[in-house]
N, C-alpha and C. Protein backbone atom coordinates (compact mmCIF):
# COMPACT_ATOMS: atom_id res chain seq x y z
N MET A 1 -40.49 114.45 88.81
CA MET A 1 -39.47 115.50 89.41
C MET A 1 -39.37 116.41 88.49
N LYS A 2 -40.41 117.48 88.16
CA LYS A 2 -40.91 118.51 87.79
C LYS A 2 -41.28 119.32 89.51
N LYS A 3 -42.01 119.04 89.76
CA LYS A 3 -42.21 119.29 91.41
C LYS A 3 -40.83 119.15 92.12
N LEU A 4 -39.97 118.82 91.70
CA LEU A 4 -38.56 118.86 92.50
C LEU A 4 -38.07 120.03 91.81
N ALA A 5 -37.74 119.93 90.86
CA ALA A 5 -37.01 121.98 90.16
C ALA A 5 -37.97 122.90 91.11
N VAL A 6 -39.39 122.34 90.43
CA VAL A 6 -40.49 123.64 90.96
C VAL A 6 -39.71 124.69 92.14
N THR A 7 -39.97 122.76 93.53
CA THR A 7 -38.91 123.33 94.71
C THR A 7 -37.67 123.73 94.79
N ALA A 8 -36.42 123.03 94.06
CA ALA A 8 -35.72 123.78 94.32
C ALA A 8 -35.48 124.86 93.93
N GLY A 9 -36.52 125.62 92.89
CA GLY A 9 -36.33 126.76 92.42
C GLY A 9 -36.83 127.85 93.63
N LEU A 10 -38.69 127.48 94.28
CA LEU A 10 -38.67 128.02 95.08
C LEU A 10 -37.52 128.45 96.36
N LEU A 11 -36.77 127.29 96.52
CA LEU A 11 -35.97 127.82 98.16
C LEU A 11 -35.41 128.64 97.80
N THR A 12 -34.22 128.41 96.39
CA THR A 12 -33.10 128.83 95.77
C THR A 12 -33.64 130.94 95.81
N ALA A 13 -34.81 130.84 95.71
CA ALA A 13 -35.20 132.63 95.41
C ALA A 13 -36.01 133.11 96.66
N LEU A 14 -35.93 132.35 97.63
CA LEU A 14 -36.33 132.26 98.77
C LEU A 14 -34.91 132.90 99.31
N MET A 15 -33.78 132.19 99.50
CA MET A 15 -32.70 132.35 99.77
C MET A 15 -31.87 133.18 99.38
N LEU A 16 -32.61 133.94 98.35
CA LEU A 16 -31.98 135.09 97.57
C LEU A 16 -32.64 136.15 98.26
N ALA A 17 -33.71 136.17 98.42
CA ALA A 17 -34.44 137.43 98.47
C ALA A 17 -34.32 137.38 100.39
N SER A 18 -33.78 136.75 100.62
CA SER A 18 -33.27 136.01 102.28
C SER A 18 -32.39 137.07 102.26
N GLY A 19 -31.25 137.22 101.59
CA GLY A 19 -29.54 137.60 102.07
C GLY A 19 -29.20 136.02 101.93
N CYS A 20 -29.72 134.74 101.73
CA CYS A 20 -29.03 133.69 102.27
C CYS A 20 -28.05 133.19 101.92
N THR A 21 -26.84 133.80 101.10
CA THR A 21 -26.71 133.17 99.41
C THR A 21 -24.77 132.61 100.03
N GLY A 22 -25.10 132.67 101.00
CA GLY A 22 -22.90 132.73 101.97
C GLY A 22 -22.27 133.72 100.65
N ALA A 23 -22.35 133.76 99.63
CA ALA A 23 -21.48 134.56 99.12
C ALA A 23 -21.36 135.46 99.52
N GLY A 24 -20.39 136.52 99.90
CA GLY A 24 -20.02 137.99 100.25
C GLY A 24 -20.23 137.94 101.49
N SER A 25 -20.58 136.64 102.36
CA SER A 25 -20.85 136.57 103.62
C SER A 25 -19.34 136.69 104.17
N GLY A 26 -18.72 137.19 105.36
CA GLY A 26 -18.43 137.04 105.91
C GLY A 26 -18.32 137.72 107.47
N PRO A 27 -17.39 137.46 107.89
CA PRO A 27 -17.26 138.24 109.83
C PRO A 27 -17.70 139.92 109.60
N PRO A 28 -18.52 140.94 110.67
CA PRO A 28 -18.88 141.55 110.32
C PRO A 28 -17.53 142.43 110.09
N PRO A 29 -18.01 143.99 109.74
CA PRO A 29 -16.54 144.44 110.11
C PRO A 29 -15.93 145.00 111.68
N LYS A 30 -15.38 145.16 111.36
CA LYS A 30 -15.07 146.07 112.90
C LYS A 30 -14.30 146.36 112.64
N GLY A 31 -14.10 146.91 114.39
CA GLY A 31 -13.68 148.86 115.31
C GLY A 31 -11.94 148.34 115.04
N GLU A 32 -11.43 149.99 114.25
CA GLU A 32 -10.35 149.96 114.67
C GLU A 32 -9.98 151.47 115.08
N LEU A 33 -8.88 151.04 115.64
CA LEU A 33 -8.27 152.17 116.18
C LEU A 33 -7.15 152.51 115.38
N ALA A 34 -6.29 153.89 115.31
CA ALA A 34 -4.99 154.39 115.39
C ALA A 34 -4.63 155.34 116.11
N VAL A 35 -3.23 155.41 116.85
CA VAL A 35 -2.69 156.75 117.73
C VAL A 35 -1.96 157.32 116.61
N ILE A 36 -2.90 158.81 116.70
CA ILE A 36 -2.79 159.68 115.31
C ILE A 36 -1.45 161.19 116.56
N ASN A 37 -1.63 160.98 117.50
CA ASN A 37 -0.76 161.82 117.77
C ASN A 37 -0.35 161.04 119.73
N ARG A 38 0.56 161.35 120.17
CA ARG A 38 1.49 161.32 121.10
C ARG A 38 2.26 162.25 121.71
N ALA A 39 2.93 162.38 123.22
CA ALA A 39 3.76 162.98 123.26
C ALA A 39 3.68 162.71 125.18
N LEU A 40 4.80 162.62 125.19
CA LEU A 40 5.64 162.56 126.73
C LEU A 40 5.31 163.75 127.41
N THR A 41 5.22 164.21 128.25
CA THR A 41 5.64 165.39 129.09
C THR A 41 6.12 165.44 130.54
N ARG A 42 6.96 165.84 131.10
CA ARG A 42 7.78 165.63 132.31
C ARG A 42 7.66 167.38 132.56
N SER A 43 6.36 166.80 134.23
CA SER A 43 6.28 168.39 134.87
C SER A 43 7.67 168.73 135.37
N ALA A 44 7.48 170.50 136.29
CA ALA A 44 8.59 170.78 136.80
C ALA A 44 8.78 169.41 138.29
N SER A 45 7.70 169.11 138.39
CA SER A 45 7.93 167.77 140.02
C SER A 45 8.66 166.34 139.98
N GLY A 46 8.36 166.50 137.77
CA GLY A 46 8.59 165.21 137.72
C GLY A 46 7.83 164.04 137.79
N ASN A 47 6.81 164.49 137.21
CA ASN A 47 5.56 164.15 137.21
C ASN A 47 5.66 163.18 135.53
N VAL A 48 5.24 162.56 134.86
CA VAL A 48 5.34 161.81 133.97
C VAL A 48 3.76 162.07 133.07
N THR A 49 2.94 162.62 131.88
CA THR A 49 1.74 161.67 131.41
C THR A 49 1.94 161.84 129.80
N VAL A 50 1.49 161.47 129.59
CA VAL A 50 1.42 160.69 128.16
C VAL A 50 0.40 161.24 127.90
N GLN A 51 0.58 162.61 126.19
CA GLN A 51 -0.93 162.87 125.91
C GLN A 51 -0.82 162.21 124.77
N VAL A 52 -2.41 161.37 124.19
CA VAL A 52 -2.52 160.82 123.14
C VAL A 52 -3.49 161.16 122.12
N THR A 53 -3.72 160.71 121.41
CA THR A 53 -5.59 161.46 120.57
C THR A 53 -4.80 159.46 119.82
N VAL A 54 -6.30 159.33 119.74
CA VAL A 54 -6.76 158.14 118.86
C VAL A 54 -8.10 158.45 118.10
N LYS A 55 -7.66 157.98 117.01
CA LYS A 55 -8.49 157.51 115.33
C LYS A 55 -9.51 156.38 115.84
N ASN A 56 -10.93 156.81 115.23
CA ASN A 56 -11.58 155.89 114.37
C ASN A 56 -11.56 155.18 113.21
N VAL A 57 -10.43 154.32 112.76
CA VAL A 57 -10.48 154.25 111.55
C VAL A 57 -10.79 153.26 110.66
N GLY A 58 -11.74 152.45 111.13
CA GLY A 58 -12.84 151.20 110.44
C GLY A 58 -14.17 151.63 110.19
N PRO A 59 -14.74 151.21 109.57
CA PRO A 59 -15.64 151.22 109.18
C PRO A 59 -17.82 151.75 109.96
N VAL A 60 -17.15 150.80 111.01
CA VAL A 60 -18.31 151.25 112.40
C VAL A 60 -17.36 152.08 113.32
N MET A 61 -18.44 152.02 114.22
CA MET A 61 -19.08 152.60 115.53
C MET A 61 -17.59 151.63 116.75
N VAL A 62 -17.20 151.61 117.63
CA VAL A 62 -16.48 151.69 118.30
C VAL A 62 -17.14 151.42 119.45
N GLU A 63 -17.64 150.51 120.21
CA GLU A 63 -18.76 150.89 121.45
C GLU A 63 -17.62 150.98 122.62
N LEU A 64 -16.57 150.58 122.37
CA LEU A 64 -15.50 150.64 123.71
C LEU A 64 -13.91 150.65 123.18
N ALA A 65 -13.69 151.52 123.36
CA ALA A 65 -12.27 151.82 122.51
C ALA A 65 -11.37 151.94 124.14
N ARG A 66 -10.54 151.02 123.96
CA ARG A 66 -9.63 151.23 125.84
C ARG A 66 -8.39 151.63 125.19
N VAL A 67 -7.41 152.53 125.78
CA VAL A 67 -6.18 152.34 125.70
C VAL A 67 -5.00 152.13 126.92
N THR A 68 -4.21 151.48 126.67
CA THR A 68 -3.08 151.68 127.54
C THR A 68 -1.67 152.10 127.63
N VAL A 69 -1.26 152.50 128.51
CA VAL A 69 0.19 152.82 128.29
C VAL A 69 0.76 152.32 129.28
N LYS A 70 2.00 151.56 128.82
CA LYS A 70 2.83 151.12 129.97
C LYS A 70 3.59 152.14 130.16
N PHE A 71 4.86 152.09 131.19
CA PHE A 71 5.56 152.90 131.66
C PHE A 71 7.11 152.07 132.05
N TYR A 72 8.16 152.04 130.57
CA TYR A 72 9.12 152.04 131.66
C TYR A 72 10.73 152.32 132.56
N ASP A 73 11.43 151.24 132.61
CA ASP A 73 13.11 152.20 133.30
C ASP A 73 13.69 152.22 132.26
N ALA A 74 14.61 152.62 132.56
CA ALA A 74 16.22 152.19 131.27
C ALA A 74 16.39 151.08 130.95
N GLN A 75 16.03 149.92 131.93
CA GLN A 75 15.69 148.37 131.77
C GLN A 75 15.54 148.11 131.08
N LYS A 76 14.09 148.62 130.48
CA LYS A 76 12.62 148.42 130.06
C LYS A 76 11.97 147.37 131.13
N GLY A 77 12.25 147.11 132.13
CA GLY A 77 11.27 146.99 133.27
C GLY A 77 10.11 148.09 133.50
N LEU A 78 8.73 147.21 133.50
CA LEU A 78 7.52 147.60 133.75
C LEU A 78 7.43 148.62 135.20
N LEU A 79 7.09 150.15 134.90
CA LEU A 79 7.32 150.82 136.45
C LEU A 79 5.34 150.89 136.60
N ASP A 80 4.55 150.99 135.26
CA ASP A 80 3.32 150.87 135.15
C ASP A 80 2.89 151.04 134.78
N SER A 81 1.04 150.79 134.11
CA SER A 81 0.44 150.09 133.29
C SER A 81 -1.13 151.17 133.83
N SER A 82 -1.09 152.20 133.06
CA SER A 82 -2.36 152.66 133.44
C SER A 82 -3.51 153.01 131.67
N SER A 83 -4.81 152.52 132.32
CA SER A 83 -5.76 152.90 130.65
C SER A 83 -6.78 153.52 130.98
N ASP A 84 -7.57 153.99 130.34
CA ASP A 84 -8.83 154.82 129.97
C ASP A 84 -9.34 154.28 129.18
N SER A 85 -10.94 154.70 128.94
CA SER A 85 -10.92 153.61 128.02
C SER A 85 -12.72 155.47 127.62
N VAL A 86 -13.30 155.00 126.75
CA VAL A 86 -13.86 156.03 125.86
C VAL A 86 -15.08 155.10 125.08
N MET A 87 -16.64 155.71 125.24
CA MET A 87 -17.18 154.54 124.42
C MET A 87 -18.37 155.35 123.42
N ASN A 88 -18.57 154.36 122.44
CA ASN A 88 -19.10 154.84 121.26
C ASN A 88 -18.39 156.33 120.38
N LEU A 89 -17.20 155.64 120.32
CA LEU A 89 -16.32 156.69 118.93
C LEU A 89 -16.71 155.64 117.58
N GLY A 90 -17.52 156.73 116.91
CA GLY A 90 -17.88 156.50 115.71
C GLY A 90 -16.40 157.09 114.47
N PRO A 91 -17.08 156.43 113.30
CA PRO A 91 -15.71 156.09 111.81
C PRO A 91 -15.25 157.63 111.71
N GLY A 92 -14.22 157.44 111.84
CA GLY A 92 -14.02 159.15 111.86
C GLY A 92 -13.62 160.32 113.09
N GLU A 93 -14.47 159.73 114.16
CA GLU A 93 -13.88 160.92 115.11
C GLU A 93 -12.56 160.30 116.03
N THR A 94 -12.44 161.18 116.41
CA THR A 94 -10.81 161.18 117.71
C THR A 94 -11.15 161.51 119.22
N TRP A 95 -10.26 160.91 120.09
CA TRP A 95 -10.07 160.96 121.28
C TRP A 95 -9.23 161.24 121.65
N ASP A 96 -8.93 162.41 122.08
CA ASP A 96 -7.82 162.87 122.97
C ASP A 96 -8.13 162.64 124.97
N PHE A 97 -6.82 162.51 125.05
CA PHE A 97 -6.65 162.30 126.64
C PHE A 97 -5.40 162.16 126.75
N SER A 98 -5.08 162.57 128.17
CA SER A 98 -3.73 161.89 129.21
C SER A 98 -4.16 160.33 130.51
N ILE A 99 -2.88 160.25 129.96
CA ILE A 99 -2.52 159.03 130.91
C ILE A 99 -1.29 159.48 131.79
N ALA A 100 -1.61 158.95 133.46
CA ALA A 100 0.28 159.97 134.13
C ALA A 100 0.62 158.03 134.28
N CYS A 101 1.41 158.37 134.34
CA CYS A 101 2.48 157.15 135.31
C CYS A 101 1.87 157.16 136.83
N GLN A 102 1.00 155.97 137.42
CA GLN A 102 1.12 156.19 139.34
C GLN A 102 2.71 155.58 139.74
N GLY A 103 3.49 154.97 139.07
CA GLY A 103 4.78 154.76 139.67
C GLY A 103 5.93 155.73 139.49
N ASP A 104 7.12 155.22 139.23
CA ASP A 104 8.08 156.15 139.98
C ASP A 104 8.40 157.15 139.14
N SER A 105 7.64 158.18 138.52
CA SER A 105 7.99 159.05 137.27
C SER A 105 9.52 159.05 137.29
N SER A 106 10.58 159.45 137.92
CA SER A 106 11.61 159.53 137.50
C SER A 106 12.28 158.62 136.93
N GLN A 107 11.85 157.28 136.77
CA GLN A 107 12.93 156.24 136.46
C GLN A 107 12.40 155.81 134.73
N VAL A 108 10.80 156.70 134.34
CA VAL A 108 10.20 156.18 132.79
C VAL A 108 11.49 157.27 132.11
N LYS A 109 11.57 155.87 131.03
CA LYS A 109 12.67 156.02 130.42
C LYS A 109 11.89 156.08 128.55
N SER A 110 10.68 155.05 128.65
CA SER A 110 10.46 154.68 127.38
C SER A 110 8.26 154.40 128.15
N TYR A 111 8.17 154.24 126.68
CA TYR A 111 6.18 153.89 126.70
C TYR A 111 5.89 153.12 125.61
N GLU A 112 5.16 152.22 126.24
CA GLU A 112 4.34 151.44 124.91
C GLU A 112 2.31 152.37 125.31
N ILE A 113 2.49 152.05 124.01
CA ILE A 113 0.38 152.12 123.97
C ILE A 113 0.34 151.47 122.74
N GLU A 114 -0.89 150.32 123.75
CA GLU A 114 -1.90 149.59 123.13
C GLU A 114 -2.72 150.26 123.45
N THR A 115 -4.35 149.85 121.95
CA THR A 115 -5.87 150.11 122.10
C THR A 115 -6.00 148.75 121.18
N LEU A 116 -6.98 148.41 121.94
CA LEU A 116 -8.10 147.68 122.69
C LEU A 116 -9.13 148.20 121.81
N ALA A 117 -10.26 147.92 120.24
CA ALA A 117 -11.46 148.39 120.10
C ALA A 117 -13.00 147.01 120.08
N GLY A 118 -13.95 147.55 120.77
CA GLY A 118 -14.89 146.34 120.85
C GLY A 118 -16.34 146.81 120.38
N THR A 119 -16.83 145.84 119.46
CA THR A 119 -18.41 146.87 118.92
C THR A 119 -19.20 145.55 119.39
N SER A 120 -20.02 145.45 119.32
CA SER A 120 -21.33 144.85 119.41
C SER A 120 -21.29 143.17 118.77
N SER A 121 -20.99 143.71 117.14
CA SER A 121 -20.84 142.79 116.23
C SER A 121 -19.14 141.91 116.30
N GLY A 122 -18.39 142.97 117.08
CA GLY A 122 -17.63 142.17 117.52
C GLY A 122 -16.61 142.29 118.27
N GLY A 123 -17.02 142.43 119.35
CA GLY A 123 -16.26 141.99 121.22
C GLY A 123 -14.95 142.93 120.91
N LEU A 124 -14.27 142.51 122.19
CA LEU A 124 -13.53 143.17 122.67
C LEU A 124 -12.08 142.57 122.14
């Protein structure tokens, strides 16, 4: 019986030393993006562009940040969907870019911005 208690104690000590306690473990932290600035502009020739600033507000590096802008007409019909991406956006870092509507810009009445953050530990 004494041998069993010693063995159990050694196994517990090994688990604690290696960090295999189960306590405090959970999913790894994920990248998190926030749109902190956006502006739709229309050129003199009628082309529509959205300027966007995205910030990594999470605690880990976002290895691939992807932003999609969807352009809609007055009836909420989708005119165009365009994306851009950047790699290795660190915590607290920002990314400024613009996306142009490739569809019929004269019909654009609204738009939506979607973000997607991927890390090696959290995937896309």
